[in-house]
Amino acid sequence: LALDHRCTPPFLMRGVDPVSILRECLGDPEGLCNGMGGHMHLFSRENLMASSGIVGSSGPSAAGFALAAQHLRPDTVAIAFFGEGALNQGMLMESMNLAVAWNLPVIFVCKDNDMAITTVSSSVSGGAPVERAQGFGMTAVEVDGSFVEEVWETAGDIIKAARGGNGPGFIHAHCFHSEGHFL
């Protein structure tokens, strides 16, 4: 998994020890990354997970993971998580293009809450995310991120296609964000 800077929930869901994450956030040498990563740069070799505080960087990371998976771990799929604001970052778009060109087993998951930090996303972004992904030639679908079963089924279909050699996929998940990003 290539994650953005909001990475704690996926780490917990994959079984990473919450105490090691807390220690990491406190800069403790016994933290997940020896206290050097903080809350935005977590890494777990055992769970094949990495995060970054750089907006859009999950795309290049996931493309690299998928390229390695093609050669070293067939039937493995890489997944990139990012917010809709990251869709305006060149490195993410380049990663999506390369994933299609090289038929990489990678899923790009856009968590869209209509806000790029403090800016309404539609006021700074042209085009629809699904149409952008389709423009590269990949399968792209929209889901309501509030409905876990819908997300699960949709992700399962996209992952199955990627494992079957059908290349990358894109999931545009509409998510509700009840409070500001800084709370």
C-alpha atoms as a PDB file:
ATOM      1  CA  LEU A   1       0.000   0.000   0.000  1.00  0.00           C
ATOM      2  CA  ALA A   2       1.189   3.467  -0.886  1.00  0.00           C
ATOM      3  CA  LEU A   3      -0.533   5.916   1.424  1.00  0.00           C
ATOM      4  CA  ASP A   4      -0.886   9.640   1.795  1.00  0.00           C
ATOM      5  CA  HIS A   5      -0.269  11.583   4.984  1.00  0.00           C
ATOM      6  CA  ARG A   6      -3.535  10.370   6.562  1.00  0.00           C
ATOM      7  CA  CYS A   7      -2.200   6.876   6.966  1.00  0.00           C
ATOM      8  CA  THR A   8      -2.921   5.814  10.544  1.00  0.00           C
ATOM      9  CA  PRO A   9      -6.262   3.986   9.908  1.00  0.00           C
ATOM     10  CA  PRO A  10      -4.869   1.723   7.149  1.00  0.00           C
ATOM     11  CA  PHE A  11      -1.858   0.887   9.318  1.00  0.00           C
ATOM     12  CA  LEU A  12      -4.152  -0.075  12.183  1.00  0.00           C
ATOM     13  CA  MET A  13      -6.444  -2.080   9.896  1.00  0.00           C
ATOM     14  CA  ARG A  14      -3.461  -4.073   8.606  1.00  0.00           C
ATOM     15  CA  GLY A  15      -2.486  -4.994  12.163  1.00  0.00           C
ATOM     16  CA  VAL A  16       0.355  -2.609  12.906  1.00  0.00           C
ATOM     17  CA  ASP A  17       0.765  -2.213  16.661  1.00  0.00           C
ATOM     18  CA  PRO A  18      -0.967   1.018  17.756  1.00  0.00           C
ATOM     19  CA  VAL A  19       1.572   1.552  20.539  1.00  0.00           C
ATOM     20  CA  SER A  20       4.415   1.540  18.003  1.00  0.00           C
ATOM     21  CA  ILE A  21       2.506   4.129  15.933  1.00  0.00           C
ATOM     22  CA  LEU A  22       1.906   6.289  19.022  1.00  0.00           C
ATOM     23  CA  ARG A  23       5.581   6.051  19.957  1.00  0.00           C
ATOM     24  CA  GLU A  24       6.477   7.040  16.407  1.00  0.00           C
ATOM     25  CA  CYS A  25       4.232  10.111  16.616  1.00  0.00           C
ATOM     26  CA  LEU A  26       6.010  11.086  19.835  1.00  0.00           C
ATOM     27  CA  GLY A  27       9.468  10.694  18.272  1.00  0.00           C
ATOM     28  CA  ASP A  28      10.338   7.726  20.478  1.00  0.00           C
ATOM     29  CA  PRO A  29      13.264   5.580  19.267  1.00  0.00           C
ATOM     30  CA  GLU A  30      11.065   2.531  19.931  1.00  0.00           C
ATOM     31  CA  GLY A  31       8.444   3.814  17.485  1.00  0.00           C
ATOM     32  CA  LEU A  32       7.495   2.120  14.231  1.00  0.00           C
ATOM     33  CA  CYS A  33      10.236   3.966  12.323  1.00  0.00           C
ATOM     34  CA  ASN A  34      12.576   4.563  15.253  1.00  0.00           C
ATOM     35  CA  GLY A  35      10.945   7.909  15.931  1.00  0.00           C
ATOM     36  CA  MET A  36      12.197   9.377  12.652  1.00  0.00           C
ATOM     37  CA  GLY A  37       8.978   9.423  10.585  1.00  0.00           C
ATOM     38  CA  GLY A  38       6.373  11.094  12.726  1.00  0.00           C
ATOM     39  CA  HIS A  39       2.696  10.700  11.885  1.00  0.00           C
ATOM     40  CA  MET A  40       3.034  11.418   8.141  1.00  0.00           C
ATOM     41  CA  HIS A  41       5.929   9.153   7.174  1.00  0.00           C
ATOM     42  CA  LEU A  42       5.065   5.721   8.491  1.00  0.00           C
ATOM     43  CA  PHE A  43       6.545   2.556   7.035  1.00  0.00           C
ATOM     44  CA  SER A  44       5.985  -1.131   7.726  1.00  0.00           C
ATOM     45  CA  ARG A  45       8.150  -3.592   5.822  1.00  0.00           C
ATOM     46  CA  GLU A  46       6.197  -6.554   7.259  1.00  0.00           C
ATOM     47  CA  ASN A  47       2.893  -5.168   5.956  1.00  0.00           C
ATOM     48  CA  LEU A  48       4.323  -3.733   2.720  1.00  0.00           C
ATOM     49  CA  MET A  49       3.025  -0.247   3.556  1.00  0.00           C
ATOM     50  CA  ALA A  50       4.573   3.184   3.131  1.00  0.00           C
ATOM     51  CA  SER A  51       3.215   6.697   3.557  1.00  0.00           C
ATOM     52  CA  SER A  52       4.442  10.153   2.703  1.00  0.00           C
ATOM     53  CA  GLY A  53       3.510  13.707   3.523  1.00  0.00           C
ATOM     54  CA  ILE A  54       4.146  14.758  -0.086  1.00  0.00           C
ATOM     55  CA  VAL A  55       0.828  15.306  -1.857  1.00  0.00           C
ATOM     56  CA  GLY A  56       0.462  12.891  -4.780  1.00  0.00           C
ATOM     57  CA  SER A  57       3.521  10.797  -3.961  1.00  0.00           C
ATOM     58  CA  SER A  58       1.474   7.658  -3.365  1.00  0.00           C
ATOM     59  CA  GLY A  59       1.079   7.370  -7.168  1.00  0.00           C
ATOM     60  CA  PRO A  60       4.772   6.944  -8.018  1.00  0.00           C
ATOM     61  CA  SER A  61       5.275   4.703  -4.984  1.00  0.00           C
ATOM     62  CA  ALA A  62       2.387   2.433  -5.962  1.00  0.00           C
ATOM     63  CA  ALA A  63       3.525   2.303  -9.598  1.00  0.00           C
ATOM     64  CA  GLY A  64       6.955   1.203  -8.383  1.00  0.00           C
ATOM     65  CA  PHE A  65       5.426  -1.379  -6.057  1.00  0.00           C
ATOM     66  CA  ALA A  66       3.289  -2.680  -8.942  1.00  0.00           C
ATOM     67  CA  LEU A  67       6.289  -2.909 -11.274  1.00  0.00           C
ATOM     68  CA  ALA A  68       8.147  -4.936  -8.644  1.00  0.00           C
ATOM     69  CA  ALA A  69       5.051  -7.076  -8.094  1.00  0.00           C
ATOM     70  CA  GLN A  70       4.883  -7.962 -11.799  1.00  0.00           C
ATOM     71  CA  HIS A  71       8.321  -9.516 -11.543  1.00  0.00           C
ATOM     72  CA  LEU A  72       8.611 -10.703  -7.956  1.00  0.00           C
ATOM     73  CA  ARG A  73       5.091 -11.383  -6.668  1.00  0.00           C
ATOM     74  CA  PRO A  74       2.630 -12.299  -9.416  1.00  0.00           C
ATOM     75  CA  ASP A  75      -1.031 -11.813  -8.438  1.00  0.00           C
ATOM     76  CA  THR A  76      -0.070  -8.970  -6.100  1.00  0.00           C
ATOM     77  CA  VAL A  77      -1.759  -5.611  -6.575  1.00  0.00           C
ATOM     78  CA  ALA A  78      -0.409  -2.263  -5.407  1.00  0.00           C
ATOM     79  CA  ILE A  79      -2.835   0.370  -4.160  1.00  0.00           C
ATOM     80  CA  ALA A  80      -2.359   4.141  -3.984  1.00  0.00           C
ATOM     81  CA  PHE A  81      -4.560   6.223  -1.671  1.00  0.00           C
ATOM     82  CA  PHE A  82      -4.801   9.998  -2.100  1.00  0.00           C
ATOM     83  CA  GLY A  83      -7.227  12.886  -1.837  1.00  0.00           C
ATOM     84  CA  GLU A  84      -8.811  14.626  -4.823  1.00  0.00           C
ATOM     85  CA  GLY A  85      -6.478  17.605  -4.377  1.00  0.00           C
ATOM     86  CA  ALA A  86      -3.590  15.329  -5.357  1.00  0.00           C
ATOM     87  CA  LEU A  87      -5.135  14.834  -8.801  1.00  0.00           C
ATOM     88  CA  ASN A  88      -3.597  18.171  -9.755  1.00  0.00           C
ATOM     89  CA  GLN A  89      -0.081  16.929  -9.014  1.00  0.00           C
ATOM     90  CA  GLY A  90       1.960  16.024 -12.078  1.00  0.00           C
ATOM     91  CA  MET A  91       3.660  13.030 -10.493  1.00  0.00           C
ATOM     92  CA  LEU A  92       0.305  11.368  -9.808  1.00  0.00           C
ATOM     93  CA  MET A  93      -0.886  11.916 -13.392  1.00  0.00           C
ATOM     94  CA  GLU A  94       2.444  10.640 -14.736  1.00  0.00           C
ATOM     95  CA  SER A  95       2.122   7.537 -12.552  1.00  0.00           C
ATOM     96  CA  MET A  96      -1.359   6.835 -13.883  1.00  0.00           C
ATOM     97  CA  ASN A  97      -0.105   7.234 -17.453  1.00  0.00           C
ATOM     98  CA  LEU A  98       2.861   4.920 -16.875  1.00  0.00           C
ATOM     99  CA  ALA A  99       0.672   2.343 -15.112  1.00  0.00           C
ATOM    100  CA  VAL A 100      -1.506   2.122 -18.221  1.00  0.00           C
ATOM    101  CA  ALA A 101       1.451   2.127 -20.638  1.00  0.00           C
ATOM    102  CA  TRP A 102       3.130  -0.719 -18.719  1.00  0.00           C
ATOM    103  CA  ASN A 103      -0.115  -2.507 -17.791  1.00  0.00           C
ATOM    104  CA  LEU A 104       0.781  -2.405 -14.104  1.00  0.00           C
ATOM    105  CA  PRO A 105      -1.367  -4.109 -11.434  1.00  0.00           C
ATOM    106  CA  VAL A 106      -2.122  -0.942  -9.475  1.00  0.00           C
ATOM    107  CA  ILE A 107      -5.334   0.583  -8.161  1.00  0.00           C
ATOM    108  CA  PHE A 108      -5.563   4.338  -7.685  1.00  0.00           C
ATOM    109  CA  VAL A 109      -8.049   5.249  -4.935  1.00  0.00           C
ATOM    110  CA  CYS A 110      -9.179   8.873  -4.761  1.00  0.00           C
ATOM    111  CA  LYS A 111     -10.788   9.786  -1.437  1.00  0.00           C
ATOM    112  CA  ASP A 112     -12.858  12.803  -2.428  1.00  0.00           C
ATOM    113  CA  ASN A 113     -14.368  14.966   0.316  1.00  0.00           C
ATOM    114  CA  ASP A 114     -14.702  18.022  -1.947  1.00  0.00           C
ATOM    115  CA  MET A 115     -12.006  19.918  -0.045  1.00  0.00           C
ATOM    116  CA  ALA A 116      -8.325  20.283  -0.906  1.00  0.00           C
ATOM    117  CA  ILE A 117      -7.321  21.230   2.643  1.00  0.00           C
ATOM    118  CA  THR A 118      -9.185  24.565   2.892  1.00  0.00           C
ATOM    119  CA  THR A 119     -10.110  25.036  -0.765  1.00  0.00           C
ATOM    120  CA  VAL A 120     -13.278  23.763  -2.420  1.00  0.00           C
ATOM    121  CA  SER A 121     -11.847  21.312  -4.948  1.00  0.00           C
ATOM    122  CA  SER A 122     -14.206  22.198  -7.785  1.00  0.00           C
ATOM    123  CA  SER A 123     -12.958  25.800  -7.663  1.00  0.00           C
ATOM    124  CA  VAL A 124      -9.398  24.739  -8.582  1.00  0.00           C
ATOM    125  CA  SER A 125      -9.827  21.531 -10.586  1.00  0.00           C
ATOM    126  CA  GLY A 126     -11.087  21.093 -14.102  1.00  0.00           C
ATOM    127  CA  GLY A 127     -12.838  17.937 -15.266  1.00  0.00           C
ATOM    128  CA  ALA A 128     -14.183  14.989 -13.378  1.00  0.00           C
ATOM    129  CA  PRO A 129     -11.733  12.592 -11.675  1.00  0.00           C
ATOM    130  CA  VAL A 130     -13.281   9.511 -13.304  1.00  0.00           C
ATOM    131  CA  GLU A 131     -13.038  11.107 -16.746  1.00  0.00           C
ATOM    132  CA  ARG A 132      -9.404  12.001 -16.133  1.00  0.00           C
ATOM    133  CA  ALA A 133      -8.604   8.373 -15.277  1.00  0.00           C
ATOM    134  CA  GLN A 134     -10.582   7.087 -18.248  1.00  0.00           C
ATOM    135  CA  GLY A 135      -8.602   9.491 -20.418  1.00  0.00           C
ATOM    136  CA  PHE A 136      -5.541   7.387 -19.711  1.00  0.00           C
ATOM    137  CA  GLY A 137      -7.437   4.284 -20.789  1.00  0.00           C
ATOM    138  CA  MET A 138      -7.974   2.668 -17.411  1.00  0.00           C
ATOM    139  CA  THR A 139     -11.151   1.341 -15.856  1.00  0.00           C
ATOM    140  CA  ALA A 140     -12.562   4.001 -13.547  1.00  0.00           C
ATOM    141  CA  VAL A 141     -15.580   3.812 -11.257  1.00  0.00           C
ATOM    142  CA  GLU A 142     -17.326   6.020  -8.697  1.00  0.00           C
ATOM    143  CA  VAL A 143     -18.568   4.847  -5.319  1.00  0.00           C
ATOM    144  CA  ASP A 144     -20.133   6.375  -2.247  1.00  0.00           C
ATOM    145  CA  GLY A 145     -17.366   6.016   0.321  1.00  0.00           C
ATOM    146  CA  SER A 146     -19.960   5.993   3.115  1.00  0.00           C
ATOM    147  CA  PHE A 147     -21.231   2.568   2.061  1.00  0.00           C
ATOM    148  CA  VAL A 148     -18.630  -0.002   3.059  1.00  0.00           C
ATOM    149  CA  GLU A 149     -20.256  -2.878   1.178  1.00  0.00           C
ATOM    150  CA  GLU A 150     -20.376  -0.888  -2.059  1.00  0.00           C
ATOM    151  CA  VAL A 151     -16.721   0.079  -1.690  1.00  0.00           C
ATOM    152  CA  TRP A 152     -15.761  -3.523  -0.845  1.00  0.00           C
ATOM    153  CA  GLU A 153     -17.550  -4.977  -3.885  1.00  0.00           C
ATOM    154  CA  THR A 154     -16.268  -2.300  -6.254  1.00  0.00           C
ATOM    155  CA  ALA A 155     -12.698  -2.658  -5.005  1.00  0.00           C
ATOM    156  CA  GLY A 156     -12.952  -6.442  -5.315  1.00  0.00           C
ATOM    157  CA  ASP A 157     -13.967  -6.176  -8.964  1.00  0.00           C
ATOM    158  CA  ILE A 158     -11.184  -3.704  -9.800  1.00  0.00           C
ATOM    159  CA  ILE A 159      -8.567  -5.755  -7.937  1.00  0.00           C
ATOM    160  CA  LYS A 160      -9.687  -8.968  -9.659  1.00  0.00           C
ATOM    161  CA  ALA A 161      -9.297  -7.261 -13.046  1.00  0.00           C
ATOM    162  CA  ALA A 162      -5.802  -5.994 -12.167  1.00  0.00           C
ATOM    163  CA  ARG A 163      -4.761  -9.450 -10.959  1.00  0.00           C
ATOM    164  CA  GLY A 164      -6.115 -10.879 -14.207  1.00  0.00           C
ATOM    165  CA  GLY A 165      -3.705  -8.789 -16.252  1.00  0.00           C
ATOM    166  CA  ASN A 166      -6.172  -6.050 -17.211  1.00  0.00           C
ATOM    167  CA  GLY A 167      -3.946  -3.256 -15.949  1.00  0.00           C
ATOM    168  CA  PRO A 168      -4.618  -0.460 -13.516  1.00  0.00           C
ATOM    169  CA  GLY A 169      -7.939   0.754 -12.175  1.00  0.00           C
ATOM    170  CA  PHE A 170      -9.262   3.906 -10.554  1.00  0.00           C
ATOM    171  CA  ILE A 171     -11.799   4.215  -7.748  1.00  0.00           C
ATOM    172  CA  HIS A 172     -13.316   7.617  -7.058  1.00  0.00           C
ATOM    173  CA  ALA A 173     -14.791   7.362  -3.556  1.00  0.00           C
ATOM    174  CA  HIS A 174     -16.976  10.240  -2.431  1.00  0.00           C
ATOM    175  CA  CYS A 175     -16.334  10.685   1.288  1.00  0.00           C
ATOM    176  CA  PHE A 176     -17.893  12.858   3.946  1.00  0.00           C
ATOM    177  CA  HIS A 177     -15.562  14.966   6.062  1.00  0.00           C
ATOM    178  CA  SER A 178     -17.356  16.358   9.096  1.00  0.00           C
ATOM    179  CA  GLU A 179     -14.648  18.722  10.316  1.00  0.00           C
ATOM    180  CA  GLY A 180     -11.801  20.799   8.951  1.00  0.00           C
ATOM    181  CA  HIS A 181      -8.541  19.134   7.988  1.00  0.00           C
ATOM    182  CA  PHE A 182      -6.647  20.690  10.872  1.00  0.00           C
ATOM    183  CA  LEU A 183      -8.843  19.426  13.728  1.00  0.00           C
END
